[in-house]
Amino acid sequence: MDLRDEITRLVGDRNARHKRLVQYVVRQVHAGRKLASVLEDPYVTNRSTILERRALLEEPEVVIAVGQEIEQLRAELDEVLRPR
């Protein structure tokens, strides 16, 4: 399974843990925090892998809340996830 397929699978995952992460990220962004900072929170890092955090950047709620900042973060996380 390639990176895109794995991200698509995770975005389609509607388990409670993933939903809570999406809700947390959106709530923090609406409170005025930068997405990059939110993704480094212990609440997020302790409950997700780098790939799961990358999948959060495809969630419609997160995309709407964040706007333009999301493109740069996608590129940064894709670079980390790229096989060497």
N, C-alpha and C. Protein backbone atom coordinates (compact mmCIF):
# COMPACT_ATOMS: atom_id res chain seq x y z
N MET A 1 0.86 -1.17 0.00
CA MET A 1 0.00 0.00 0.00
C MET A 1 0.91 1.24 0.00
N ASP A 2 0.64 2.15 -0.91
CA ASP A 2 1.48 3.35 -0.97
C ASP A 2 0.96 4.42 0.00
N LEU A 3 1.70 5.50 0.10
CA LEU A 3 1.40 6.57 1.04
C LEU A 3 0.01 7.15 0.82
N ARG A 4 -0.35 7.43 -0.42
CA ARG A 4 -1.67 7.98 -0.72
C ARG A 4 -2.80 7.04 -0.28
N ASP A 5 -2.63 5.74 -0.55
CA ASP A 5 -3.65 4.76 -0.16
C ASP A 5 -3.80 4.71 1.36
N GLU A 6 -2.69 4.76 2.06
CA GLU A 6 -2.73 4.71 3.52
C GLU A 6 -3.40 5.95 4.10
N ILE A 7 -3.10 7.12 3.54
CA ILE A 7 -3.73 8.36 4.00
C ILE A 7 -5.24 8.30 3.73
N THR A 8 -5.61 7.84 2.55
CA THR A 8 -7.03 7.71 2.20
C THR A 8 -7.75 6.78 3.17
N ARG A 9 -7.10 5.67 3.52
CA ARG A 9 -7.70 4.73 4.47
C ARG A 9 -7.90 5.39 5.83
N LEU A 10 -6.90 6.13 6.29
CA LEU A 10 -7.00 6.78 7.59
C LEU A 10 -8.05 7.88 7.60
N VAL A 11 -8.16 8.64 6.51
CA VAL A 11 -9.18 9.70 6.45
C VAL A 11 -10.57 9.07 6.49
N GLY A 12 -10.72 7.92 5.88
CA GLY A 12 -12.00 7.24 5.90
C GLY A 12 -12.30 6.54 7.22
N ASP A 13 -11.32 6.49 8.11
CA ASP A 13 -11.46 5.82 9.40
C ASP A 13 -12.29 6.70 10.34
N ARG A 14 -13.40 6.21 10.74
CA ARG A 14 -14.30 7.00 11.58
C ARG A 14 -14.33 6.50 13.03
N ASN A 15 -13.21 5.94 13.48
CA ASN A 15 -13.21 5.48 14.86
C ASN A 15 -13.21 6.68 15.81
N ALA A 16 -13.55 6.45 17.06
CA ALA A 16 -13.71 7.52 18.03
C ALA A 16 -12.41 8.28 18.26
N ARG A 17 -11.28 7.59 18.29
CA ARG A 17 -9.99 8.24 18.54
C ARG A 17 -9.68 9.25 17.44
N HIS A 18 -9.88 8.84 16.20
CA HIS A 18 -9.61 9.73 15.06
C HIS A 18 -10.55 10.93 15.09
N LYS A 19 -11.81 10.70 15.38
CA LYS A 19 -12.79 11.79 15.45
C LYS A 19 -12.40 12.80 16.53
N ARG A 20 -11.96 12.29 17.69
CA ARG A 20 -11.55 13.19 18.76
C ARG A 20 -10.35 14.03 18.36
N LEU A 21 -9.41 13.43 17.64
CA LEU A 21 -8.25 14.19 17.16
C LEU A 21 -8.68 15.29 16.20
N VAL A 22 -9.57 14.97 15.28
CA VAL A 22 -10.07 15.98 14.33
C VAL A 22 -10.74 17.11 15.10
N GLN A 23 -11.60 16.77 16.03
CA GLN A 23 -12.31 17.78 16.81
C GLN A 23 -11.33 18.65 17.60
N TYR A 24 -10.33 18.03 18.21
CA TYR A 24 -9.34 18.78 18.99
C TYR A 24 -8.59 19.76 18.10
N VAL A 25 -8.11 19.29 16.96
CA VAL A 25 -7.35 20.14 16.05
C VAL A 25 -8.21 21.32 15.60
N VAL A 26 -9.42 21.08 15.19
CA VAL A 26 -10.31 22.15 14.72
C VAL A 26 -10.58 23.15 15.85
N ARG A 27 -10.84 22.64 17.05
CA ARG A 27 -11.11 23.52 18.19
C ARG A 27 -9.91 24.43 18.49
N GLN A 28 -8.71 23.86 18.46
CA GLN A 28 -7.50 24.63 18.75
C GLN A 28 -7.22 25.68 17.67
N VAL A 29 -7.44 25.31 16.42
CA VAL A 29 -7.23 26.26 15.31
C VAL A 29 -8.24 27.40 15.41
N HIS A 30 -9.48 27.09 15.73
CA HIS A 30 -10.49 28.13 15.89
C HIS A 30 -10.18 29.04 17.08
N ALA A 31 -9.42 28.54 18.03
CA ALA A 31 -9.02 29.34 19.20
C ALA A 31 -7.84 30.26 18.85
N GLY A 32 -7.35 30.16 17.62
CA GLY A 32 -6.31 31.07 17.17
C GLY A 32 -4.91 30.48 17.09
N ARG A 33 -4.77 29.20 17.33
CA ARG A 33 -3.45 28.57 17.28
C ARG A 33 -3.10 28.15 15.87
N LYS A 34 -1.82 28.13 15.56
CA LYS A 34 -1.32 27.64 14.27
C LYS A 34 -1.41 26.13 14.25
N LEU A 35 -1.75 25.57 13.11
CA LEU A 35 -1.88 24.12 12.97
C LEU A 35 -0.59 23.39 13.31
N ALA A 36 0.54 23.92 12.88
CA ALA A 36 1.83 23.27 13.17
C ALA A 36 2.03 23.10 14.67
N SER A 37 1.66 24.09 15.42
CA SER A 37 1.78 24.03 16.87
C SER A 37 0.83 22.99 17.46
N VAL A 38 -0.40 22.97 16.97
CA VAL A 38 -1.40 22.02 17.46
C VAL A 38 -0.93 20.59 17.20
N LEU A 39 -0.35 20.34 16.01
CA LEU A 39 0.10 18.99 15.67
C LEU A 39 1.26 18.52 16.54
N GLU A 40 1.93 19.44 17.23
CA GLU A 40 3.03 19.08 18.13
C GLU A 40 2.57 18.92 19.57
N ASP A 41 1.31 19.20 19.86
CA ASP A 41 0.78 19.03 21.21
C ASP A 41 0.92 17.59 21.67
N PRO A 42 1.25 17.38 22.95
CA PRO A 42 1.29 16.01 23.48
C PRO A 42 -0.04 15.27 23.27
N TYR A 43 -1.16 15.99 23.37
CA TYR A 43 -2.46 15.34 23.15
C TYR A 43 -2.50 14.68 21.78
N VAL A 44 -1.95 15.34 20.78
CA VAL A 44 -1.96 14.82 19.41
C VAL A 44 -0.85 13.79 19.21
N THR A 45 0.36 14.11 19.63
CA THR A 45 1.49 13.21 19.37
C THR A 45 1.39 11.90 20.14
N ASN A 46 0.78 11.93 21.31
CA ASN A 46 0.63 10.70 22.09
C ASN A 46 -0.48 9.79 21.57
N ARG A 47 -1.31 10.32 20.70
CA ARG A 47 -2.47 9.56 20.21
C ARG A 47 -2.42 9.27 18.72
N SER A 48 -1.29 9.62 18.07
CA SER A 48 -1.23 9.41 16.62
C SER A 48 0.21 9.22 16.15
N THR A 49 0.32 8.56 15.02
CA THR A 49 1.61 8.42 14.35
C THR A 49 1.78 9.61 13.41
N ILE A 50 2.96 9.73 12.83
CA ILE A 50 3.18 10.80 11.85
C ILE A 50 2.21 10.63 10.68
N LEU A 51 2.01 9.40 10.25
CA LEU A 51 1.09 9.14 9.14
C LEU A 51 -0.34 9.54 9.52
N GLU A 52 -0.75 9.24 10.73
CA GLU A 52 -2.10 9.64 11.17
C GLU A 52 -2.23 11.15 11.26
N ARG A 53 -1.15 11.84 11.66
CA ARG A 53 -1.19 13.30 11.68
C ARG A 53 -1.27 13.84 10.26
N ARG A 54 -0.57 13.19 9.34
CA ARG A 54 -0.65 13.61 7.94
C ARG A 54 -2.08 13.43 7.42
N ALA A 55 -2.73 12.35 7.81
CA ALA A 55 -4.11 12.10 7.38
C ALA A 55 -5.06 13.16 7.92
N LEU A 56 -4.76 13.72 9.10
CA LEU A 56 -5.60 14.79 9.63
C LEU A 56 -5.66 15.98 8.68
N LEU A 57 -4.59 16.17 7.91
CA LEU A 57 -4.53 17.31 6.99
C LEU A 57 -5.41 17.13 5.76
N GLU A 58 -6.02 15.97 5.63
CA GLU A 58 -6.96 15.72 4.54
C GLU A 58 -8.41 15.76 5.01
N GLU A 59 -8.61 15.86 6.30
CA GLU A 59 -9.98 15.90 6.84
C GLU A 59 -10.64 17.22 6.45
N PRO A 60 -11.82 17.17 5.86
CA PRO A 60 -12.49 18.39 5.41
C PRO A 60 -12.63 19.45 6.50
N GLU A 61 -12.95 19.04 7.73
CA GLU A 61 -13.11 20.00 8.81
C GLU A 61 -11.79 20.73 9.10
N VAL A 62 -10.70 20.00 9.05
CA VAL A 62 -9.39 20.59 9.32
C VAL A 62 -8.99 21.52 8.17
N VAL A 63 -9.20 21.08 6.95
CA VAL A 63 -8.87 21.91 5.78
C VAL A 63 -9.61 23.24 5.83
N ILE A 64 -10.89 23.20 6.14
CA ILE A 64 -11.69 24.42 6.22
C ILE A 64 -11.20 25.33 7.34
N ALA A 65 -10.89 24.75 8.48
CA ALA A 65 -10.45 25.54 9.64
C ALA A 65 -9.10 26.20 9.41
N VAL A 66 -8.22 25.54 8.66
CA VAL A 66 -6.84 26.00 8.54
C VAL A 66 -6.60 26.90 7.35
N GLY A 67 -7.14 26.59 6.22
CA GLY A 67 -6.90 27.41 5.04
C GLY A 67 -5.53 27.16 4.43
N GLN A 68 -4.79 28.20 4.10
CA GLN A 68 -3.56 28.10 3.32
C GLN A 68 -2.40 27.42 4.05
N GLU A 69 -2.35 27.49 5.34
CA GLU A 69 -1.25 26.89 6.10
C GLU A 69 -1.11 25.39 5.82
N ILE A 70 -2.19 24.78 5.41
CA ILE A 70 -2.21 23.33 5.26
C ILE A 70 -1.28 22.81 4.17
N GLU A 71 -1.12 23.54 3.10
CA GLU A 71 -0.27 23.08 1.98
C GLU A 71 1.18 22.90 2.42
N GLN A 72 1.70 23.84 3.16
CA GLN A 72 3.08 23.74 3.63
C GLN A 72 3.26 22.56 4.57
N LEU A 73 2.30 22.37 5.47
CA LEU A 73 2.40 21.25 6.41
C LEU A 73 2.29 19.91 5.70
N ARG A 74 1.44 19.81 4.70
CA ARG A 74 1.35 18.57 3.93
C ARG A 74 2.70 18.24 3.31
N ALA A 75 3.33 19.23 2.70
CA ALA A 75 4.63 19.00 2.05
C ALA A 75 5.69 18.57 3.06
N GLU A 76 5.71 19.21 4.23
CA GLU A 76 6.68 18.85 5.26
C GLU A 76 6.49 17.43 5.76
N LEU A 77 5.25 17.05 6.03
CA LEU A 77 4.99 15.70 6.52
C LEU A 77 5.21 14.65 5.43
N ASP A 78 4.88 14.99 4.19
CA ASP A 78 5.13 14.06 3.09
C ASP A 78 6.62 13.77 2.96
N GLU A 79 7.44 14.79 3.17
CA GLU A 79 8.90 14.61 3.10
C GLU A 79 9.38 13.65 4.19
N VAL A 80 8.84 13.79 5.38
CA VAL A 80 9.21 12.89 6.49
C VAL A 80 8.77 11.46 6.20
N LEU A 81 7.62 11.30 5.57
CA LEU A 81 7.07 9.98 5.32
C LEU A 81 7.62 9.30 4.08
N ARG A 82 8.28 10.06 3.22
CA ARG A 82 8.80 9.52 1.96
C ARG A 82 9.86 8.45 2.25
N PRO A 83 9.70 7.27 1.62
CA PRO A 83 10.71 6.21 1.82
C PRO A 83 12.08 6.67 1.32
N ARG A 84 13.07 6.30 2.03
CA ARG A 84 14.45 6.69 1.67
C ARG A 84 15.13 5.56 0.93
